[in-house]
Amino acid sequence: MKSIELTVQIPEDILYTLNETKKEFTRKMKLYAAGELYRLGKLSMGKAAELAGMNKVDFLFELGRYDIPAINYDEDDFGEEIAQVMDR
C-alpha cells in the first residue's frame, strides 16, 4: 500500500493536558478519524481499519468502545431488508 505523510500542528500543551506521547496521540487521531469516516459512510470498514492501522476485527472492537455501530442501517435500509426476507 502506498502512503503519504501528513503534518498536523497542534498546540504543545494538548499533549501535556492529555498526558500522551506524540505516538499515542497520532494513533488515537487516526482511529478517531477512521471511526468517524466509517460512521458517516465515507469509508468502508476495510478502508477505515486500514486508516486506523488495524485489522478489521480489532477495528470492530474499537467501534464498539466508542458506540459507533458496526452495521450502518438507517430505517429505510432496515425496512427493505425485512421486506426482502419476508418475501422469501
PDB file of N, CA and C in Angstrom:
ATOM      1  N   MET A   1       0.843  -1.168   0.000  1.00  0.00           N
ATOM      2  CA  MET A   1       0.000   0.000   0.000  1.00  0.00           C
ATOM      3  C   MET A   1       0.890   1.234   0.000  1.00  0.00           C
ATOM      4  N   LYS A   2       0.616   2.112  -0.896  1.00  0.00           N
ATOM      5  CA  LYS A   2       1.314   3.395  -0.955  1.00  0.00           C
ATOM      6  C   LYS A   2       0.710   4.325   0.084  1.00  0.00           C
ATOM      7  N   SER A   3       1.541   5.125   0.700  1.00  0.00           N
ATOM      8  CA  SER A   3       1.005   6.067   1.680  1.00  0.00           C
ATOM      9  C   SER A   3       1.685   7.424   1.518  1.00  0.00           C
ATOM     10  N   ILE A   4       1.039   8.412   2.104  1.00  0.00           N
ATOM     11  CA  ILE A   4       1.596   9.762   2.121  1.00  0.00           C
ATOM     12  C   ILE A   4       1.720  10.190   3.577  1.00  0.00           C
ATOM     13  N   GLU A   5       2.564  11.155   3.814  1.00  0.00           N
ATOM     14  CA  GLU A   5       2.729  11.666   5.168  1.00  0.00           C
ATOM     15  C   GLU A   5       2.047  13.017   5.274  1.00  0.00           C
ATOM     16  N   LEU A   6       1.246  13.178   6.316  1.00  0.00           N
ATOM     17  CA  LEU A   6       0.587  14.451   6.599  1.00  0.00           C
ATOM     18  C   LEU A   6       1.214  15.051   7.846  1.00  0.00           C
ATOM     19  N   THR A   7       1.345  16.349   7.856  1.00  0.00           N
ATOM     20  CA  THR A   7       1.858  17.043   9.031  1.00  0.00           C
ATOM     21  C   THR A   7       0.740  17.901   9.600  1.00  0.00           C
ATOM     22  N   VAL A   8       0.458  17.689  10.877  1.00  0.00           N
ATOM     23  CA  VAL A   8      -0.586  18.446  11.562  1.00  0.00           C
ATOM     24  C   VAL A   8       0.054  19.127  12.759  1.00  0.00           C
ATOM     25  N   GLN A   9      -0.168  20.417  12.868  1.00  0.00           N
ATOM     26  CA  GLN A   9       0.371  21.147  14.007  1.00  0.00           C
ATOM     27  C   GLN A   9      -0.718  21.312  15.053  1.00  0.00           C
ATOM     28  N   ILE A  10      -0.364  20.995  16.291  1.00  0.00           N
ATOM     29  CA  ILE A  10      -1.288  21.172  17.410  1.00  0.00           C
ATOM     30  C   ILE A  10      -0.550  21.934  18.508  1.00  0.00           C
ATOM     31  N   PRO A  11      -1.290  22.622  19.362  1.00  0.00           N
ATOM     32  CA  PRO A  11      -0.630  23.285  20.484  1.00  0.00           C
ATOM     33  C   PRO A  11       0.082  22.251  21.366  1.00  0.00           C
ATOM     34  N   GLU A  12       1.291  22.567  21.768  1.00  0.00           N
ATOM     35  CA  GLU A  12       2.102  21.634  22.548  1.00  0.00           C
ATOM     36  C   GLU A  12       1.420  21.218  23.849  1.00  0.00           C
ATOM     37  N   ASP A  13       0.690  22.137  24.452  1.00  0.00           N
ATOM     38  CA  ASP A  13       0.073  21.811  25.739  1.00  0.00           C
ATOM     39  C   ASP A  13      -1.046  20.776  25.630  1.00  0.00           C
ATOM     40  N   ILE A  14      -1.544  20.527  24.429  1.00  0.00           N
ATOM     41  CA  ILE A  14      -2.569  19.491  24.250  1.00  0.00           C
ATOM     42  C   ILE A  14      -2.026  18.136  24.686  1.00  0.00           C
ATOM     43  N   LEU A  15      -0.812  17.807  24.274  1.00  0.00           N
ATOM     44  CA  LEU A  15      -0.213  16.528  24.661  1.00  0.00           C
ATOM     45  C   LEU A  15      -0.011  16.453  26.169  1.00  0.00           C
ATOM     46  N   TYR A  16       0.389  17.568  26.770  1.00  0.00           N
ATOM     47  CA  TYR A  16       0.553  17.595  28.226  1.00  0.00           C
ATOM     48  C   TYR A  16      -0.791  17.420  28.919  1.00  0.00           C
ATOM     49  N   THR A  17      -1.798  18.111  28.426  1.00  0.00           N
ATOM     50  CA  THR A  17      -3.136  18.013  29.007  1.00  0.00           C
ATOM     51  C   THR A  17      -3.663  16.584  28.935  1.00  0.00           C
ATOM     52  N   LEU A  18      -3.456  15.937  27.801  1.00  0.00           N
ATOM     53  CA  LEU A  18      -3.925  14.563  27.614  1.00  0.00           C
ATOM     54  C   LEU A  18      -2.986  13.530  28.226  1.00  0.00           C
ATOM     55  N   ASN A  19      -1.801  13.972  28.632  1.00  0.00           N
ATOM     56  CA  ASN A  19      -0.776  13.075  29.166  1.00  0.00           C
ATOM     57  C   ASN A  19      -0.475  11.945  28.172  1.00  0.00           C
ATOM     58  N   GLU A  20      -0.247  12.326  26.926  1.00  0.00           N
ATOM     59  CA  GLU A  20       0.031  11.366  25.861  1.00  0.00           C
ATOM     60  C   GLU A  20       1.300  11.755  25.121  1.00  0.00           C
ATOM     61  N   THR A  21       1.925  10.738  24.551  1.00  0.00           N
ATOM     62  CA  THR A  21       3.074  10.982  23.683  1.00  0.00           C
ATOM     63  C   THR A  21       2.567  11.335  22.291  1.00  0.00           C
ATOM     64  N   LYS A  22       3.469  11.825  21.458  1.00  0.00           N
ATOM     65  CA  LYS A  22       3.087  12.101  20.061  1.00  0.00           C
ATOM     66  C   LYS A  22       2.601  10.826  19.386  1.00  0.00           C
ATOM     67  N   LYS A  23       3.262   9.716  19.669  1.00  0.00           N
ATOM     68  CA  LYS A  23       2.889   8.441  19.051  1.00  0.00           C
ATOM     69  C   LYS A  23       1.485   8.010  19.480  1.00  0.00           C
ATOM     70  N   GLU A  24       1.182   8.111  20.773  1.00  0.00           N
ATOM     71  CA  GLU A  24      -0.151   7.747  21.265  1.00  0.00           C
ATOM     72  C   GLU A  24      -1.215   8.657  20.665  1.00  0.00           C
ATOM     73  N   PHE A  25      -0.938   9.950  20.643  1.00  0.00           N
ATOM     74  CA  PHE A  25      -1.896  10.914  20.111  1.00  0.00           C
ATOM     75  C   PHE A  25      -2.152  10.661  18.626  1.00  0.00           C
ATOM     76  N   THR A  26      -1.101  10.390  17.875  1.00  0.00           N
ATOM     77  CA  THR A  26      -1.238  10.114  16.444  1.00  0.00           C
ATOM     78  C   THR A  26      -2.080   8.867  16.208  1.00  0.00           C
ATOM     79  N   ARG A  27      -1.829   7.817  16.987  1.00  0.00           N
ATOM     80  CA  ARG A  27      -2.594   6.572  16.843  1.00  0.00           C
ATOM     81  C   ARG A  27      -4.075   6.820  17.111  1.00  0.00           C
ATOM     82  N   LYS A  28      -4.374   7.568  18.172  1.00  0.00           N
ATOM     83  CA  LYS A  28      -5.770   7.843  18.506  1.00  0.00           C
ATOM     84  C   LYS A  28      -6.440   8.732  17.465  1.00  0.00           C
ATOM     85  N   MET A  29      -5.727   9.714  16.964  1.00  0.00           N
ATOM     86  CA  MET A  29      -6.310  10.589  15.942  1.00  0.00           C
ATOM     87  C   MET A  29      -6.660   9.797  14.688  1.00  0.00           C
ATOM     88  N   LYS A  30      -5.791   8.874  14.302  1.00  0.00           N
ATOM     89  CA  LYS A  30      -6.084   8.034  13.138  1.00  0.00           C
ATOM     90  C   LYS A  30      -7.305   7.157  13.406  1.00  0.00           C
ATOM     91  N   LEU A  31      -7.392   6.608  14.612  1.00  0.00           N
ATOM     92  CA  LEU A  31      -8.542   5.781  14.976  1.00  0.00           C
ATOM     93  C   LEU A  31      -9.825   6.605  14.985  1.00  0.00           C
ATOM     94  N   TYR A  32      -9.788   7.787  15.608  1.00  0.00           N
ATOM     95  CA  TYR A  32     -10.981   8.637  15.670  1.00  0.00           C
ATOM     96  C   TYR A  32     -11.429   9.067  14.274  1.00  0.00           C
ATOM     97  N   ALA A  33     -10.484   9.445  13.437  1.00  0.00           N
ATOM     98  CA  ALA A  33     -10.824   9.854  12.070  1.00  0.00           C
ATOM     99  C   ALA A  33     -11.419   8.682  11.305  1.00  0.00           C
ATOM    100  N   ALA A  34     -10.805   7.517  11.431  1.00  0.00           N
ATOM    101  CA  ALA A  34     -11.299   6.332  10.729  1.00  0.00           C
ATOM    102  C   ALA A  34     -12.704   5.973  11.197  1.00  0.00           C
ATOM    103  N   GLY A  35     -12.926   6.016  12.506  1.00  0.00           N
ATOM    104  CA  GLY A  35     -14.246   5.697  13.052  1.00  0.00           C
ATOM    105  C   GLY A  35     -15.312   6.661  12.572  1.00  0.00           C
ATOM    106  N   GLU A  36     -14.995   7.929  12.566  1.00  0.00           N
ATOM    107  CA  GLU A  36     -15.973   8.933  12.127  1.00  0.00           C
ATOM    108  C   GLU A  36     -16.237   8.831  10.625  1.00  0.00           C
ATOM    109  N   LEU A  37     -15.211   8.613   9.842  1.00  0.00           N
ATOM    110  CA  LEU A  37     -15.403   8.468   8.391  1.00  0.00           C
ATOM    111  C   LEU A  37     -16.201   7.207   8.072  1.00  0.00           C
ATOM    112  N   TYR A  38     -16.007   6.153   8.854  1.00  0.00           N
ATOM    113  CA  TYR A  38     -16.813   4.938   8.679  1.00  0.00           C
ATOM    114  C   TYR A  38     -18.263   5.216   9.074  1.00  0.00           C
ATOM    115  N   ARG A  39     -18.463   5.867  10.224  1.00  0.00           N
ATOM    116  CA  ARG A  39     -19.817   6.173  10.702  1.00  0.00           C
ATOM    117  C   ARG A  39     -20.589   7.010   9.692  1.00  0.00           C
ATOM    118  N   LEU A  40     -19.896   7.934   9.041  1.00  0.00           N
ATOM    119  CA  LEU A  40     -20.532   8.801   8.047  1.00  0.00           C
ATOM    120  C   LEU A  40     -20.730   8.118   6.700  1.00  0.00           C
ATOM    121  N   GLY A  41     -20.201   6.909   6.552  1.00  0.00           N
ATOM    122  CA  GLY A  41     -20.331   6.184   5.289  1.00  0.00           C
ATOM    123  C   GLY A  41     -19.340   6.636   4.232  1.00  0.00           C
ATOM    124  N   LYS A  42     -18.316   7.365   4.639  1.00  0.00           N
ATOM    125  CA  LYS A  42     -17.309   7.855   3.686  1.00  0.00           C
ATOM    126  C   LYS A  42     -16.258   6.794   3.376  1.00  0.00           C
ATOM    127  N   LEU A  43     -16.013   5.880   4.328  1.00  0.00           N
ATOM    128  CA  LEU A  43     -15.056   4.792   4.126  1.00  0.00           C
ATOM    129  C   LEU A  43     -15.713   3.464   4.461  1.00  0.00           C
ATOM    130  N   SER A  44     -15.338   2.433   3.730  1.00  0.00           N
ATOM    131  CA  SER A  44     -15.782   1.083   4.072  1.00  0.00           C
ATOM    132  C   SER A  44     -15.084   0.657   5.359  1.00  0.00           C
ATOM    133  N   MET A  45     -15.560  -0.420   5.958  1.00  0.00           N
ATOM    134  CA  MET A  45     -14.914  -0.900   7.170  1.00  0.00           C
ATOM    135  C   MET A  45     -13.457  -1.269   6.904  1.00  0.00           C
ATOM    136  N   GLY A  46     -13.200  -1.915   5.779  1.00  0.00           N
ATOM    137  CA  GLY A  46     -11.836  -2.307   5.443  1.00  0.00           C
ATOM    138  C   GLY A  46     -10.908  -1.112   5.300  1.00  0.00           C
ATOM    139  N   LYS A  47     -11.364  -0.093   4.599  1.00  0.00           N
ATOM    140  CA  LYS A  47     -10.538   1.106   4.406  1.00  0.00           C
ATOM    141  C   LYS A  47     -10.372   1.878   5.716  1.00  0.00           C
ATOM    142  N   ALA A  48     -11.426   1.930   6.518  1.00  0.00           N
ATOM    143  CA  ALA A  48     -11.327   2.615   7.805  1.00  0.00           C
ATOM    144  C   ALA A  48     -10.348   1.883   8.724  1.00  0.00           C
ATOM    145  N   ALA A  49     -10.413   0.555   8.732  1.00  0.00           N
ATOM    146  CA  ALA A  49      -9.471  -0.234   9.537  1.00  0.00           C
ATOM    147  C   ALA A  49      -8.043   0.013   9.061  1.00  0.00           C
ATOM    148  N   GLU A  50      -7.873   0.079   7.750  1.00  0.00           N
ATOM    149  CA  GLU A  50      -6.547   0.356   7.178  1.00  0.00           C
ATOM    150  C   GLU A  50      -6.041   1.729   7.628  1.00  0.00           C
ATOM    151  N   LEU A  51      -6.908   2.735   7.587  1.00  0.00           N
ATOM    152  CA  LEU A  51      -6.530   4.073   8.037  1.00  0.00           C
ATOM    153  C   LEU A  51      -6.126   4.059   9.512  1.00  0.00           C
ATOM    154  N   ALA A  52      -6.859   3.289  10.308  1.00  0.00           N
ATOM    155  CA  ALA A  52      -6.565   3.203  11.740  1.00  0.00           C
ATOM    156  C   ALA A  52      -5.331   2.353  12.028  1.00  0.00           C
ATOM    157  N   GLY A  53      -4.844   1.638  11.012  1.00  0.00           N
ATOM    158  CA  GLY A  53      -3.677   0.783  11.208  1.00  0.00           C
ATOM    159  C   GLY A  53      -4.007  -0.500  11.947  1.00  0.00           C
ATOM    160  N   MET A  54      -5.231  -1.011  11.729  1.00  0.00           N
ATOM    161  CA  MET A  54      -5.700  -2.201  12.443  1.00  0.00           C
ATOM    162  C   MET A  54      -6.269  -3.206  11.462  1.00  0.00           C
ATOM    163  N   ASN A  55      -6.439  -4.441  11.936  1.00  0.00           N
ATOM    164  CA  ASN A  55      -7.203  -5.400  11.147  1.00  0.00           C
ATOM    165  C   ASN A  55      -8.690  -5.150  11.426  1.00  0.00           C
ATOM    166  N   LYS A  56      -9.558  -5.743  10.623  1.00  0.00           N
ATOM    167  CA  LYS A  56     -10.994  -5.462  10.733  1.00  0.00           C
ATOM    168  C   LYS A  56     -11.569  -5.865  12.087  1.00  0.00           C
ATOM    169  N   VAL A  57     -11.125  -6.993  12.626  1.00  0.00           N
ATOM    170  CA  VAL A  57     -11.664  -7.463  13.907  1.00  0.00           C
ATOM    171  C   VAL A  57     -11.331  -6.478  15.027  1.00  0.00           C
ATOM    172  N   ASP A  58     -10.082  -6.060  15.108  1.00  0.00           N
ATOM    173  CA  ASP A  58      -9.701  -5.085  16.136  1.00  0.00           C
ATOM    174  C   ASP A  58     -10.440  -3.763  15.941  1.00  0.00           C
ATOM    175  N   PHE A  59     -10.606  -3.362  14.685  1.00  0.00           N
ATOM    176  CA  PHE A  59     -11.326  -2.122  14.404  1.00  0.00           C
ATOM    177  C   PHE A  59     -12.782  -2.231  14.859  1.00  0.00           C
ATOM    178  N   LEU A  60     -13.409  -3.389  14.637  1.00  0.00           N
ATOM    179  CA  LEU A  60     -14.786  -3.610  15.096  1.00  0.00           C
ATOM    180  C   LEU A  60     -14.896  -3.425  16.608  1.00  0.00           C
ATOM    181  N   PHE A  61     -13.947  -3.990  17.343  1.00  0.00           N
ATOM    182  CA  PHE A  61     -13.960  -3.834  18.799  1.00  0.00           C
ATOM    183  C   PHE A  61     -13.808  -2.369  19.198  1.00  0.00           C
ATOM    184  N   GLU A  62     -12.948  -1.650  18.502  1.00  0.00           N
ATOM    185  CA  GLU A  62     -12.765  -0.224  18.801  1.00  0.00           C
ATOM    186  C   GLU A  62     -14.035   0.564  18.500  1.00  0.00           C
ATOM    187  N   LEU A  63     -14.735   0.210  17.422  1.00  0.00           N
ATOM    188  CA  LEU A  63     -16.008   0.878  17.122  1.00  0.00           C
ATOM    189  C   LEU A  63     -16.961   0.732  18.300  1.00  0.00           C
ATOM    190  N   GLY A  64     -17.014  -0.475  18.851  1.00  0.00           N
ATOM    191  CA  GLY A  64     -17.887  -0.731  19.997  1.00  0.00           C
ATOM    192  C   GLY A  64     -17.520   0.111  21.209  1.00  0.00           C
ATOM    193  N   ARG A  65     -16.244   0.317  21.428  1.00  0.00           N
ATOM    194  CA  ARG A  65     -15.796   1.129  22.570  1.00  0.00           C
ATOM    195  C   ARG A  65     -16.274   2.574  22.460  1.00  0.00           C
ATOM    196  N   TYR A  66     -16.479   3.038  21.234  1.00  0.00           N
ATOM    197  CA  TYR A  66     -16.889   4.431  21.015  1.00  0.00           C
ATOM    198  C   TYR A  66     -18.344   4.542  20.551  1.00  0.00           C
ATOM    199  N   ASP A  67     -19.106   3.466  20.775  1.00  0.00           N
ATOM    200  CA  ASP A  67     -20.542   3.438  20.432  1.00  0.00           C
ATOM    201  C   ASP A  67     -20.820   3.792  18.980  1.00  0.00           C
ATOM    202  N   ILE A  68     -19.954   3.338  18.089  1.00  0.00           N
ATOM    203  CA  ILE A  68     -20.177   3.514  16.654  1.00  0.00           C
ATOM    204  C   ILE A  68     -20.690   2.182  16.128  1.00  0.00           C
ATOM    205  N   PRO A  69     -21.896   2.148  15.556  1.00  0.00           N
ATOM    206  CA  PRO A  69     -22.444   0.873  15.088  1.00  0.00           C
ATOM    207  C   PRO A  69     -21.597   0.257  13.980  1.00  0.00           C
ATOM    208  N   ALA A  70     -21.374  -1.048  14.088  1.00  0.00           N
ATOM    209  CA  ALA A  70     -20.587  -1.760  13.080  1.00  0.00           C
ATOM    210  C   ALA A  70     -21.368  -1.895  11.780  1.00  0.00           C
ATOM    211  N   ILE A  71     -22.690  -1.966  11.896  1.00  0.00           N
ATOM    212  CA  ILE A  71     -23.548  -2.051  10.713  1.00  0.00           C
ATOM    213  C   ILE A  71     -24.321  -0.748  10.639  1.00  0.00           C
ATOM    214  N   ASN A  72     -24.188  -0.077   9.531  1.00  0.00           N
ATOM    215  CA  ASN A  72     -24.787   1.241   9.367  1.00  0.00           C
ATOM    216  C   ASN A  72     -26.100   1.149   8.596  1.00  0.00           C
ATOM    217  N   TYR A  73     -27.188   0.838   9.284  1.00  0.00           N
ATOM    218  CA  TYR A  73     -28.502   0.772   8.658  1.00  0.00           C
ATOM    219  C   TYR A  73     -29.313   1.976   9.085  1.00  0.00           C
ATOM    220  N   ASP A  74     -29.977   2.609   8.133  1.00  0.00           N
ATOM    221  CA  ASP A  74     -30.976   3.580   8.539  1.00  0.00           C
ATOM    222  C   ASP A  74     -32.325   2.863   8.478  1.00  0.00           C
ATOM    223  N   GLU A  75     -33.398   3.532   8.856  1.00  0.00           N
ATOM    224  CA  GLU A  75     -34.710   2.884   8.901  1.00  0.00           C
ATOM    225  C   GLU A  75     -35.140   2.349   7.544  1.00  0.00           C
ATOM    226  N   ASP A  76     -34.900   3.099   6.482  1.00  0.00           N
ATOM    227  CA  ASP A  76     -35.299   2.661   5.144  1.00  0.00           C
ATOM    228  C   ASP A  76     -34.559   1.398   4.732  1.00  0.00           C
ATOM    229  N   ASP A  77     -33.242   1.370   4.959  1.00  0.00           N
ATOM    230  CA  ASP A  77     -32.456   0.185   4.625  1.00  0.00           C
ATOM    231  C   ASP A  77     -32.949  -1.026   5.405  1.00  0.00           C
ATOM    232  N   PHE A  78     -33.220  -0.824   6.686  1.00  0.00           N
ATOM    233  CA  PHE A  78     -33.678  -1.920   7.528  1.00  0.00           C
ATOM    234  C   PHE A  78     -35.033  -2.433   7.043  1.00  0.00           C
ATOM    235  N   GLY A  79     -35.935  -1.510   6.711  1.00  0.00           N
ATOM    236  CA  GLY A  79     -37.250  -1.898   6.198  1.00  0.00           C
ATOM    237  C   GLY A  79     -37.153  -2.693   4.910  1.00  0.00           C
ATOM    238  N   GLU A  80     -36.269  -2.279   4.017  1.00  0.00           N
ATOM    239  CA  GLU A  80     -36.072  -3.006   2.761  1.00  0.00           C
ATOM    240  C   GLU A  80     -35.532  -4.404   3.014  1.00  0.00           C
ATOM    241  N   GLU A  81     -34.596  -4.538   3.932  1.00  0.00           N
ATOM    242  CA  GLU A  81     -34.040  -5.854   4.265  1.00  0.00           C
ATOM    243  C   GLU A  81     -35.126  -6.766   4.829  1.00  0.00           C
ATOM    244  N   ILE A  82     -35.945  -6.246   5.727  1.00  0.00           N
ATOM    245  CA  ILE A  82     -37.030  -7.038   6.321  1.00  0.00           C
ATOM    246  C   ILE A  82     -38.012  -7.467   5.240  1.00  0.00           C
ATOM    247  N   ALA A  83     -38.371  -6.558   4.346  1.00  0.00           N
ATOM    248  CA  ALA A  83     -39.307  -6.887   3.265  1.00  0.00           C
ATOM    249  C   ALA A  83     -38.748  -7.991   2.377  1.00  0.00           C
ATOM    250  N   GLN A  84     -37.467  -7.929   2.068  1.00  0.00           N
ATOM    251  CA  GLN A  84     -36.850  -8.966   1.237  1.00  0.00           C
ATOM    252  C   GLN A  84     -36.861 -10.312   1.940  1.00  0.00           C
ATOM    253  N   VAL A  85     -36.597 -10.315   3.219  1.00  0.00           N
ATOM    254  CA  VAL A  85     -36.595 -11.572   3.976  1.00  0.00           C
ATOM    255  C   VAL A  85     -38.002 -12.142   4.044  1.00  0.00           C
ATOM    256  N   MET A  86     -38.993 -11.297   4.247  1.00  0.00           N
ATOM    257  CA  MET A  86     -40.379 -11.751   4.361  1.00  0.00           C
ATOM    258  C   MET A  86     -40.911 -12.287   3.031  1.00  0.00           C
ATOM    259  N   ASP A  87     -40.386 -11.801   1.914  1.00  0.00           N
ATOM    260  CA  ASP A  87     -40.828 -12.255   0.594  1.00  0.00           C
ATOM    261  C   ASP A  87     -40.293 -13.638   0.245  1.00  0.00           C
ATOM    262  N   ARG A  88     -39.315 -14.102   0.956  1.00  0.00           N
ATOM    263  CA  ARG A  88     -38.704 -15.411   0.640  1.00  0.00           C
ATOM    264  C   ARG A  88     -39.522 -16.554   1.117  1.00  0.00           C
TER     265      ARG A  88
END
